């Protein structure tokens, strides 16, 4: 048996806790089954299809805001010494956004703290494998010394992310009140996954579930799930602070209406076509926002694992290709930009090898100590005084004009959103617009088939499982055979920038049609 065959059999037999096709959040969204055809027909049609998925969140948001558990979370926030948000990947970036928005609104009040799997470095570049281990979350919570006077809000669309579950378990063990913002009924992951049975049966843990179903792009939780989680978490935080008195449902509906006008759709579609044209000519994009850089960083970072395009890279890296899109701030040096973006100093993982081993995480040392420290973060050139232009870069200005309209590369999008203490609707608008742009560009680029992202990096066990399910469905073969074919392709690929998922699909369909 070859090594790749052994690896495939190991995944099938021993990684059942990461085989997640039964979760509703991993299902295909019926609204986007023809997403690639919609964009081929016209970019505006594709934008309208994606916006329909965001509009479908409205009844789920109304239900969540009326839940007793939501009111309990607000009460707990009012009484907590520390309010800690913990997430992984897109929800980790959401957690960091919440702390940044709080620090901007209430400077000097340090009650709100964000923890992201892999630390702040993961805001700018995905940290491989960390999310697979509950010990990561447990150690991050232990390092923070959470206690009974504190609370932790774990955020995970699937309700099962190992590192988030570990953080919640450790917080509950320490007596802290724990809330879980999830997009599946807790009984679903608990029915098959031991870590979830243990978590959701804990009397110190309260789940606020928002069962919204599948994402616009299958499994891409950077989209609808993180949007509704942002709305629920931030609205609770604002309400607990006693400084907000608005209808969040009405404010979100108004925002969606403003993005759905013919003028806004046309402006978004026009920019998607523009950015797509830049990439066709082998150019790159530098987004230069005058505000809300953290939202730009989140979207441009998430493009890399979702569509397997080059990630942000260090100035010391002369070999890797340039990122296709970056968020950058020409007004200050990189350290100053981070302080301005986070409204605090960066909080990266600085563990020594001995600390990894003591935390039961020696598996993460197989390629040496991970380069995710503050020093490593400062080598990612998001600032500069003056900011050096990247070779082939087209610079795109993003700003809010005095009327409250969002301007992206000269296109006017939407109208002034409802104001809140944390500028919630401004952040949501930027998130939605950037999600529309990045997804639309990648669909036009052929990296989405139907509503599957066929160009994705398999950088953790959850993504391996998702890749297998995509291959199985599109090629009409069993899950087991799709797993073996994926591992075979990964073993044979010599070019690391080619998605093993797309390569496997091409090979199998070619063999079937031969």
Protein backbone atom coordinates (compact mmCIF):
# COMPACT_ATOMS: atom_id res chain seq x y z
CA UNK A 1 0.00 0.00 0.00
CA UNK A 2 1.38 3.40 -0.99
CA UNK A 3 1.62 6.25 1.52
CA UNK A 4 -1.31 8.18 0.01
CA UNK A 5 -3.49 5.08 0.19
CA UNK A 6 -2.65 4.65 3.87
CA UNK A 7 -3.41 8.33 4.51
CA UNK A 8 -6.79 8.02 2.80
CA UNK A 9 -7.71 4.90 4.78
CA UNK A 10 -6.64 6.62 8.00
CA UNK A 11 -8.92 9.58 7.28
CA UNK A 12 -11.87 7.32 6.47
CA UNK A 13 -11.51 5.16 9.55
CA UNK A 14 -10.02 7.46 12.20
CA UNK A 15 -11.20 11.00 11.43
CA UNK A 16 -14.96 10.42 11.65
CA UNK A 17 -15.24 13.39 14.06
CA UNK A 18 -14.35 15.63 11.09
CA UNK A 19 -16.73 14.06 8.56
CA UNK A 20 -19.43 16.71 8.70
CA UNK A 21 -21.70 16.26 5.72
CA UNK A 22 -24.65 15.70 8.06
CA UNK A 23 -24.55 19.30 9.32
CA UNK A 24 -27.17 21.67 7.83
CA UNK A 25 -24.56 24.44 7.51
CA UNK A 26 -22.65 22.20 5.07
CA UNK A 27 -25.69 21.67 2.83
CA UNK A 28 -26.11 23.23 -0.59
CA UNK A 29 -28.20 26.40 -0.72
CA UNK A 30 -31.09 25.94 -3.18
CA UNK A 31 -30.96 29.65 -4.06
CA UNK A 32 -27.48 29.30 -5.60
CA UNK A 33 -27.56 25.93 -7.37
CA UNK A 34 -27.03 27.83 -10.65
CA UNK A 35 -24.72 30.55 -9.31
CA UNK A 36 -22.11 30.00 -12.03
CA UNK A 37 -24.80 30.19 -14.74
CA UNK A 38 -26.24 33.35 -13.17
CA UNK A 39 -22.88 35.10 -13.38
CA UNK A 40 -22.36 33.85 -16.93
CA UNK A 41 -25.73 35.37 -17.89
CA UNK A 42 -24.81 38.71 -16.33
CA UNK A 43 -22.74 39.85 -13.38
CA UNK A 44 -25.74 41.80 -12.04
CA UNK A 45 -27.85 38.62 -12.05
CA UNK A 46 -25.17 36.87 -10.03
CA UNK A 47 -25.06 39.73 -7.52
CA UNK A 48 -28.83 39.58 -7.09
CA UNK A 49 -28.64 35.83 -6.44
CA UNK A 50 -26.05 36.33 -3.71
CA UNK A 51 -28.05 39.16 -2.15
CA UNK A 52 -31.10 36.89 -2.00
CA UNK A 53 -29.13 34.63 0.36
CA UNK A 54 -28.40 37.58 2.65
CA UNK A 55 -32.05 38.66 2.58
CA UNK A 56 -33.05 35.14 3.63
CA UNK A 57 -31.34 35.86 6.98
CA UNK A 58 -34.07 38.32 8.02
CA UNK A 59 -36.55 35.90 9.63
CA UNK A 60 -33.71 34.10 11.41
CA UNK A 61 -32.42 37.40 12.77
CA UNK A 62 -35.89 38.35 14.02
CA UNK A 63 -36.19 34.99 15.79
CA UNK A 64 -32.74 35.25 17.38
CA UNK A 65 -33.35 38.75 18.73
CA UNK A 66 -36.53 37.54 20.45
CA UNK A 67 -34.95 34.51 22.09
CA UNK A 68 -34.77 34.24 25.89
CA UNK A 69 -31.18 33.02 25.49
CA UNK A 70 -30.31 36.25 23.66
CA UNK A 71 -31.68 38.31 26.57
CA UNK A 72 -29.76 36.08 28.99
CA UNK A 73 -26.55 36.83 27.07
CA UNK A 74 -27.20 40.56 27.34
CA UNK A 75 -27.71 40.23 31.10
CA UNK A 76 -24.51 38.22 31.43
CA UNK A 77 -22.62 40.88 29.45
CA UNK A 78 -23.82 43.58 31.84
CA UNK A 79 -22.48 41.65 34.83
CA UNK A 80 -19.26 40.18 33.44
CA UNK A 81 -15.80 41.39 34.38
CA UNK A 82 -14.42 40.22 31.02
CA UNK A 83 -16.43 39.54 27.86
CA UNK A 84 -14.37 37.21 25.69
CA UNK A 85 -15.27 36.37 22.10
CA UNK A 86 -13.59 33.26 20.71
CA UNK A 87 -13.69 32.15 17.08
CA UNK A 88 -11.73 30.34 14.40
CA UNK A 89 -11.16 31.42 10.81
CA UNK A 90 -13.95 33.77 9.73
CA UNK A 91 -15.51 33.75 13.21
CA UNK A 92 -12.12 34.50 14.75
CA UNK A 93 -11.85 37.55 12.51
CA UNK A 94 -15.37 38.44 13.62
CA UNK A 95 -14.26 38.22 17.26
CA UNK A 96 -11.33 40.56 16.58
CA UNK A 97 -13.67 42.98 14.77
CA UNK A 98 -15.97 43.08 17.80
CA UNK A 99 -13.12 43.99 20.14
CA UNK A 100 -11.76 46.58 17.70
CA UNK A 101 -15.18 48.22 17.32
CA UNK A 102 -15.64 48.25 21.11
CA UNK A 103 -12.21 49.80 21.69
CA UNK A 104 -12.95 52.48 19.10
CA UNK A 105 -16.31 53.31 20.71
CA UNK A 106 -15.19 53.01 24.35
CA UNK A 107 -11.47 53.75 24.60
CA UNK A 108 -10.01 52.74 27.94
CA UNK A 109 -12.77 50.22 28.70
CA UNK A 110 -10.94 46.93 28.21
CA UNK A 111 -13.70 44.52 29.21
CA UNK A 112 -14.15 43.13 25.67
CA UNK A 113 -11.40 40.74 24.57
CA UNK A 114 -11.07 38.69 21.39
CA UNK A 115 -9.31 35.38 21.02
CA UNK A 116 -8.79 33.81 17.62
CA UNK A 117 -7.48 30.33 17.01
CA UNK A 118 -3.83 30.95 16.16
CA UNK A 119 -3.85 34.50 17.56
CA UNK A 120 -3.99 37.81 15.70
CA UNK A 121 -1.63 36.53 12.99
CA UNK A 122 -4.53 34.40 11.74
CA UNK A 123 -6.44 37.60 10.95
CA UNK A 124 -4.10 38.11 8.01
CA UNK A 125 -3.24 34.53 7.04
CA UNK A 126 -4.89 31.19 7.80
CA UNK A 127 -2.97 29.19 10.41
CA UNK A 128 -3.04 25.59 9.20
CA UNK A 129 -4.27 22.73 11.42
CA UNK A 130 -4.74 24.75 14.63
CA UNK A 131 -8.53 24.54 14.46
CA UNK A 132 -8.42 20.73 14.55
CA UNK A 133 -7.27 20.63 18.17
CA UNK A 134 -9.39 21.56 21.22
CA UNK A 135 -6.15 21.93 23.17
CA UNK A 136 -5.42 25.15 21.24
CA UNK A 137 -8.59 26.82 22.52
CA UNK A 138 -8.07 25.43 26.00
CA UNK A 139 -4.57 26.86 26.22
CA UNK A 140 -5.59 30.28 24.89
CA UNK A 141 -8.35 30.51 27.52
CA UNK A 142 -5.99 29.29 30.25
CA UNK A 143 -3.39 31.88 29.22
CA UNK A 144 -6.04 34.57 29.67
CA UNK A 145 -6.78 33.23 33.17
CA UNK A 146 -10.55 33.33 32.73
CA UNK A 147 -12.53 32.99 35.96
CA UNK A 148 -16.09 32.74 37.30
CA UNK A 149 -16.61 36.52 37.04
CA UNK A 150 -16.05 36.35 33.27
CA UNK A 151 -17.98 35.11 30.25
CA UNK A 152 -16.99 33.59 26.93
CA UNK A 153 -18.99 33.70 23.70
CA UNK A 154 -17.86 30.96 21.35
CA UNK A 155 -18.71 31.57 17.70
CA UNK A 156 -18.79 28.69 15.21
CA UNK A 157 -21.27 28.24 12.38
CA UNK A 158 -21.13 24.45 12.52
CA UNK A 159 -21.27 24.30 16.31
CA UNK A 160 -18.44 21.80 16.41
CA UNK A 161 -15.12 23.49 15.55
CA UNK A 162 -12.65 21.67 17.78
CA UNK A 163 -10.61 24.68 18.93
CA UNK A 164 -13.75 26.71 19.72
CA UNK A 165 -15.27 23.77 21.59
CA UNK A 166 -12.04 23.41 23.56
CA UNK A 167 -12.07 27.10 24.50
CA UNK A 168 -15.70 26.87 25.64
CA UNK A 169 -15.04 23.72 27.66
CA UNK A 170 -12.09 25.32 29.44
CA UNK A 171 -14.03 28.50 30.18
CA UNK A 172 -16.93 26.47 31.60
CA UNK A 173 -14.52 24.37 33.68
CA UNK A 174 -13.21 27.59 35.21
CA UNK A 175 -16.75 28.63 36.17
CA UNK A 176 -17.20 31.31 33.49
CA UNK A 177 -20.61 31.67 31.84
CA UNK A 178 -20.44 30.36 28.25
CA UNK A 179 -22.68 31.18 25.30
CA UNK A 180 -22.33 29.55 21.89
CA UNK A 181 -23.46 31.41 18.75
CA UNK A 182 -24.04 28.64 16.21
CA UNK A 183 -25.99 28.14 12.97
CA UNK A 184 -27.19 24.58 13.55
CA UNK A 185 -29.44 23.11 16.26
CA UNK A 186 -27.03 21.90 18.98
CA UNK A 187 -28.66 18.47 18.98
CA UNK A 188 -27.38 17.88 15.43
CA UNK A 189 -23.61 17.98 16.09
CA UNK A 190 -24.20 16.45 19.52
CA UNK A 191 -25.90 13.46 17.88
CA UNK A 192 -22.63 12.29 16.31
CA UNK A 193 -19.70 14.16 17.83
CA UNK A 194 -18.55 13.39 21.36
CA UNK A 195 -16.97 16.82 21.89
CA UNK A 196 -20.36 18.43 21.18
CA UNK A 197 -22.31 16.07 23.44
CA UNK A 198 -20.02 17.03 26.29
CA UNK A 199 -20.20 20.76 25.56
CA UNK A 200 -23.94 21.24 25.04
CA UNK A 201 -24.88 19.09 28.05
CA UNK A 202 -22.87 21.39 30.35
CA UNK A 203 -25.27 23.50 32.49
CA UNK A 204 -22.84 26.43 32.26
CA UNK A 205 -23.20 26.53 28.45
CA UNK A 206 -26.09 28.21 26.62
CA UNK A 207 -26.52 27.76 22.86
CA UNK A 208 -28.10 30.45 20.71
CA UNK A 209 -28.71 28.58 17.48
CA UNK A 210 -29.72 30.25 14.24
CA UNK A 211 -30.45 27.40 11.79
CA UNK A 212 -30.05 29.30 8.54
CA UNK A 213 -29.17 26.29 6.37
CA UNK A 214 -26.54 26.27 3.64
CA UNK A 215 -24.26 29.14 2.64
CA UNK A 216 -24.42 30.89 -0.75
CA UNK A 217 -21.21 29.05 -1.62
CA UNK A 218 -21.43 25.60 -0.09
CA UNK A 219 -19.68 25.44 3.28
CA UNK A 220 -18.30 28.99 3.02
CA UNK A 221 -19.14 30.20 6.52
CA UNK A 222 -17.40 33.52 5.84
CA UNK A 223 -20.71 34.50 4.24
CA UNK A 224 -24.22 34.22 5.73
CA UNK A 225 -23.39 32.52 9.02
CA UNK A 226 -20.74 35.03 10.05
CA UNK A 227 -23.07 37.86 8.99
CA UNK A 228 -25.90 36.80 11.31
CA UNK A 229 -23.43 35.97 14.10
CA UNK A 230 -21.95 39.47 13.79
CA UNK A 231 -25.41 41.03 13.95
CA UNK A 232 -26.45 39.04 17.03
CA UNK A 233 -23.15 39.41 18.94
CA UNK A 234 -22.73 43.14 18.28
CA UNK A 235 -26.37 44.03 18.90
CA UNK A 236 -26.22 42.23 22.27
CA UNK A 237 -23.02 44.05 23.16
CA UNK A 238 -24.49 47.44 22.24
CA UNK A 239 -27.69 46.73 24.14
CA UNK A 240 -25.77 45.60 27.21
CA UNK A 241 -23.76 48.83 27.15
CA UNK A 242 -27.02 50.78 27.44
CA UNK A 243 -26.18 53.09 24.56
CA UNK A 244 -28.34 51.69 21.77
CA UNK A 245 -32.09 51.93 21.28
CA UNK A 246 -32.84 50.81 17.73
CA UNK A 247 -34.54 47.99 15.88
CA UNK A 248 -31.65 45.89 14.59
CA UNK A 249 -34.02 43.95 12.36
CA UNK A 250 -35.25 47.16 10.70
CA UNK A 251 -31.71 48.52 10.40
CA UNK A 252 -30.49 45.34 8.66
CA UNK A 253 -33.52 45.25 6.36
CA UNK A 254 -32.91 48.89 5.42
CA UNK A 255 -29.28 48.08 4.65
CA UNK A 256 -30.26 45.15 2.43
CA UNK A 257 -32.78 47.34 0.62
CA UNK A 258 -30.12 49.94 -0.10
CA UNK A 259 -27.74 47.31 -1.48
CA UNK A 260 -30.48 45.77 -3.60
CA UNK A 261 -31.41 48.88 -5.60
CA UNK A 262 -30.74 48.82 -9.32
CA UNK A 263 -28.04 51.46 -8.88
CA UNK A 264 -26.20 49.60 -6.09
CA UNK A 265 -26.37 46.25 -7.89
CA UNK A 266 -25.04 47.85 -11.06
CA UNK A 267 -22.18 49.52 -9.16
CA UNK A 268 -21.18 46.27 -7.42
CA UNK A 269 -21.40 44.33 -10.69
CA UNK A 270 -19.33 46.96 -12.48
CA UNK A 271 -16.57 46.69 -9.89
CA UNK A 272 -16.62 42.88 -10.02
CA UNK A 273 -16.08 43.10 -13.78
CA UNK A 274 -13.30 45.61 -13.23
CA UNK A 275 -11.46 43.47 -10.67
CA UNK A 276 -11.91 40.36 -12.79
CA UNK A 277 -10.34 42.24 -15.70
CA UNK A 278 -7.33 43.17 -13.55
CA UNK A 279 -6.67 39.52 -12.75
CA UNK A 280 -7.13 38.47 -16.37
CA UNK A 281 -4.25 40.80 -17.19
CA UNK A 282 -2.20 39.26 -14.34
CA UNK A 283 -2.46 42.38 -12.23
CA UNK A 284 -3.16 42.59 -8.49
CA UNK A 285 -5.37 44.84 -6.35
CA UNK A 286 -4.39 47.08 -3.44
CA UNK A 287 -7.48 48.20 -1.55
CA UNK A 288 -6.72 51.52 0.15
CA UNK A 289 -9.53 52.26 2.63
CA UNK A 290 -9.78 55.44 4.65
CA UNK A 291 -11.68 53.50 7.31
CA UNK A 292 -12.76 49.96 8.32
CA UNK A 293 -9.49 48.36 7.20
CA UNK A 294 -10.19 45.40 9.49
CA UNK A 295 -13.17 44.42 7.31
CA UNK A 296 -11.03 44.59 4.17
CA UNK A 297 -8.31 42.49 5.78
CA UNK A 298 -10.84 39.83 6.78
CA UNK A 299 -12.28 39.45 3.30
CA UNK A 300 -8.99 39.48 1.44
CA UNK A 301 -7.50 36.95 3.88
CA UNK A 302 -10.47 34.59 3.55
CA UNK A 303 -10.15 34.52 -0.24
CA UNK A 304 -7.00 32.43 0.01
CA UNK A 305 -8.26 29.20 1.63
CA UNK A 306 -11.72 29.57 0.07
CA UNK A 307 -10.55 29.89 -3.54
CA UNK A 308 -6.90 28.84 -3.24
CA UNK A 309 -5.30 32.06 -4.36
CA UNK A 310 -1.98 33.35 -2.97
CA UNK A 311 -2.22 34.53 0.66
CA UNK A 312 -0.64 37.57 2.30
CA UNK A 313 3.09 37.01 2.53
CA UNK A 314 6.09 38.25 4.47
CA UNK A 315 8.47 40.86 3.11
CA UNK A 316 11.17 38.22 3.73
CA UNK A 317 9.51 35.83 1.28
CA UNK A 318 10.95 36.37 -2.18
CA UNK A 319 9.69 33.12 -3.72
CA UNK A 320 5.93 32.97 -3.15
CA UNK A 321 3.58 34.71 -5.60
CA UNK A 322 2.03 38.03 -4.69
CA UNK A 323 -1.46 38.04 -3.13
CA UNK A 324 -4.08 38.89 -5.71
CA UNK A 325 -5.72 41.37 -3.33
CA UNK A 326 -4.48 43.17 -0.22
CA UNK A 327 -5.86 45.74 2.16
CA UNK A 328 -3.22 48.42 2.80
CA UNK A 329 -2.95 51.76 4.56
CA UNK A 330 -0.51 54.29 3.06
CA UNK A 331 -0.84 56.71 5.97
CA UNK A 332 1.42 54.96 8.50
CA UNK A 333 3.99 52.23 9.11
CA UNK A 334 2.84 48.63 9.49
CA UNK A 335 3.08 48.66 13.33
CA UNK A 336 1.11 51.91 13.43
CA UNK A 337 -1.48 50.53 11.03
CA UNK A 338 -2.06 47.53 13.28
CA UNK A 339 -2.55 49.74 16.33
CA UNK A 340 -5.02 51.86 14.37
CA UNK A 341 -6.83 48.85 12.94
CA UNK A 342 -7.16 46.88 16.20
CA UNK A 343 -7.37 49.88 18.55
CA UNK A 344 -4.89 47.99 20.73
CA UNK A 345 -1.53 46.25 20.41
CA UNK A 346 -1.50 42.96 18.48
CA UNK A 347 -2.09 39.81 20.54
CA UNK A 348 -0.25 36.99 18.79
CA UNK A 349 0.65 33.46 19.88
CA UNK A 350 4.17 33.60 21.32
CA UNK A 351 4.37 30.03 22.67
CA UNK A 352 7.75 28.35 23.01
CA UNK A 353 8.32 24.76 21.90
CA UNK A 354 8.10 23.73 25.55
CA UNK A 355 4.69 25.40 25.87
CA UNK A 356 3.37 23.61 22.79
CA UNK A 357 4.51 20.29 24.25
CA UNK A 358 3.12 21.06 27.73
CA UNK A 359 -0.24 21.94 26.14
CA UNK A 360 -0.40 18.62 24.30
CA UNK A 361 0.23 20.33 20.95
CA UNK A 362 3.54 18.83 19.86
CA UNK A 363 1.76 17.74 16.64
CA UNK A 364 1.86 21.40 15.58
CA UNK A 365 5.66 21.39 15.76
CA UNK A 366 6.26 18.89 12.95
CA UNK A 367 7.49 21.71 10.68
CA UNK A 368 9.18 23.63 13.51
CA UNK A 369 7.73 26.35 15.73
CA UNK A 370 4.90 28.08 13.79
CA UNK A 371 5.77 31.54 12.47
CA UNK A 372 2.73 33.34 13.90
CA UNK A 373 4.29 35.74 16.41
CA UNK A 374 3.98 39.52 16.53
CA UNK A 375 7.35 39.79 14.79
CA UNK A 376 6.00 37.64 11.95
CA UNK A 377 2.84 39.77 11.76
CA UNK A 378 4.90 42.95 11.36
CA UNK A 379 6.59 41.44 8.30
CA UNK A 380 3.28 41.48 6.40
CA UNK A 381 3.43 44.86 4.57
CA UNK A 382 -0.03 46.32 5.12
CA UNK A 383 1.45 49.74 5.90
CA UNK A 384 4.34 51.83 4.76
CA UNK A 385 5.60 55.34 5.02
CA UNK A 386 5.42 55.87 2.10
CA UNK A 387 3.61 52.71 1.00
CA UNK A 388 5.51 50.96 -1.77
CA UNK A 389 3.42 50.10 -4.80
CA UNK A 390 3.37 46.39 -5.54
CA UNK A 391 4.43 45.36 -9.03
CA UNK A 392 1.38 45.37 -11.28
CA UNK A 393 -0.91 46.64 -8.51
CA UNK A 394 -4.02 48.66 -9.26
CA UNK A 395 -4.83 50.86 -6.28
CA UNK A 396 -8.51 51.03 -5.34
CA UNK A 397 -9.79 53.68 -2.95
CA UNK A 398 -12.58 52.68 -0.56
CA UNK A 399 -14.24 55.30 1.60
CA UNK A 400 -17.50 56.55 3.05
CA UNK A 401 -18.44 59.92 1.61
CA UNK A 402 -20.18 62.68 3.66
CA UNK A 403 -23.62 61.35 2.65
CA UNK A 404 -22.86 57.92 4.09
CA UNK A 405 -22.55 56.26 0.69
CA UNK A 406 -19.83 53.65 0.31
CA UNK A 407 -17.46 54.44 -2.56
CA UNK A 408 -15.50 51.49 -4.01
CA UNK A 409 -13.16 52.40 -6.83
CA UNK A 410 -15.36 55.34 -7.79
CA UNK A 411 -18.62 53.35 -7.70
CA UNK A 412 -21.32 54.57 -5.30
CA UNK A 413 -22.98 51.79 -3.30
CA UNK A 414 -25.94 52.12 -0.93
CA UNK A 415 -26.92 54.95 1.37
CA UNK A 416 -26.16 55.97 4.95
CA UNK A 417 -26.90 53.00 7.23
CA UNK A 418 -28.46 53.32 10.67
CA UNK A 419 -25.85 54.55 13.14
CA UNK A 420 -25.00 52.51 16.25
CA UNK A 421 -22.29 52.83 18.94
CA UNK A 422 -20.11 50.11 17.39
CA UNK A 423 -20.92 51.28 13.84
CA UNK A 424 -22.43 47.85 13.35
CA UNK A 425 -24.29 48.50 10.12
CA UNK A 426 -21.24 50.15 8.57
CA UNK A 427 -19.22 47.03 9.32
CA UNK A 428 -22.00 44.76 8.03
CA UNK A 429 -22.27 46.79 4.81
CA UNK A 430 -18.55 46.60 4.18
CA UNK A 431 -18.59 42.87 4.89
CA UNK A 432 -21.49 42.19 2.55
CA UNK A 433 -20.07 44.30 -0.26
CA UNK A 434 -16.63 42.74 0.00
CA UNK A 435 -18.15 39.24 0.14
CA UNK A 436 -20.15 40.02 -3.00
CA UNK A 437 -17.09 41.32 -4.82
CA UNK A 438 -14.70 38.53 -3.87
CA UNK A 439 -17.23 35.77 -4.51
CA UNK A 440 -18.41 37.26 -7.78
CA UNK A 441 -14.87 37.63 -9.10
CA UNK A 442 -14.01 34.04 -8.23
CA UNK A 443 -17.21 32.69 -9.81
CA UNK A 444 -16.36 34.56 -13.02
CA UNK A 445 -12.81 33.20 -12.78
CA UNK A 446 -14.15 29.63 -12.86
CA UNK A 447 -13.34 28.75 -9.26
CA UNK A 448 -16.96 27.91 -8.41
CA UNK A 449 -19.00 25.19 -10.12
CA UNK A 450 -22.73 25.41 -9.41
CA UNK A 451 -22.39 26.58 -5.80
CA UNK A 452 -19.33 24.51 -4.92
CA UNK A 453 -15.93 26.14 -4.39
CA UNK A 454 -13.87 23.65 -6.38
CA UNK A 455 -10.62 25.56 -5.83
CA UNK A 456 -10.10 25.31 -2.09
CA UNK A 457 -7.09 24.60 0.08
CA UNK A 458 -7.32 21.42 2.15
CA UNK A 459 -5.40 22.90 5.07
CA UNK A 460 -7.33 21.21 7.88
CA UNK A 461 -9.45 18.10 8.42
CA UNK A 462 -12.77 19.91 7.98
CA UNK A 463 -11.67 21.16 4.55
CA UNK A 464 -10.44 17.68 3.59
CA UNK A 465 -13.91 16.33 4.36
CA UNK A 466 -15.60 19.15 2.41
CA UNK A 467 -13.30 18.53 -0.55
CA UNK A 468 -14.18 14.82 -0.54
CA UNK A 469 -17.90 15.59 -0.53
CA UNK A 470 -17.52 18.03 -3.44
CA UNK A 471 -15.61 15.45 -5.50
CA UNK A 472 -18.13 12.74 -4.62
CA UNK A 473 -21.12 14.83 -5.71
CA UNK A 474 -19.70 16.38 -8.87
CA UNK A 475 -18.11 13.15 -10.09
CA UNK A 476 -20.87 10.78 -9.01
CA UNK A 477 -18.66 8.47 -6.96
CA UNK A 478 -18.81 7.29 -3.35
CA UNK A 479 -17.38 9.28 -0.46
CA UNK A 480 -14.80 6.55 0.11
CA UNK A 481 -13.58 6.54 -3.49
CA UNK A 482 -13.55 10.33 -3.59
CA UNK A 483 -11.34 10.33 -0.49
CA UNK A 484 -8.86 7.95 -2.11
CA UNK A 485 -8.82 9.95 -5.34
CA UNK A 486 -8.19 13.21 -3.45
CA UNK A 487 -5.24 11.79 -1.53
CA UNK A 488 -3.87 10.27 -4.74
CA UNK A 489 -4.02 13.64 -6.47
CA UNK A 490 -2.41 15.43 -3.54
CA UNK A 491 0.44 12.93 -3.65
CA UNK A 492 0.96 13.32 -7.40
CA UNK A 493 0.66 17.12 -7.66
CA UNK A 494 3.98 18.86 -8.07
CA UNK A 495 2.59 22.42 -8.28
CA UNK A 496 1.48 23.53 -4.81
CA UNK A 497 -0.64 26.42 -6.14
CA UNK A 498 -3.02 24.05 -7.94
CA UNK A 499 -6.05 22.89 -5.99
CA UNK A 500 -6.04 19.11 -5.53
CA UNK A 501 -9.84 19.28 -5.52
CA UNK A 502 -10.11 20.85 -8.97
CA UNK A 503 -7.33 18.62 -10.29
CA UNK A 504 -9.11 15.50 -9.00
CA UNK A 505 -12.43 16.54 -10.56
CA UNK A 506 -10.78 17.24 -13.92
CA UNK A 507 -8.96 13.90 -13.89
CA UNK A 508 -11.99 11.80 -12.93
CA UNK A 509 -14.39 13.50 -15.34
CA UNK A 510 -11.76 13.18 -18.07
CA UNK A 511 -11.41 9.46 -17.37
CA UNK A 512 -15.19 8.98 -17.31
CA UNK A 513 -15.59 10.78 -20.64
CA UNK A 514 -12.60 9.14 -22.33
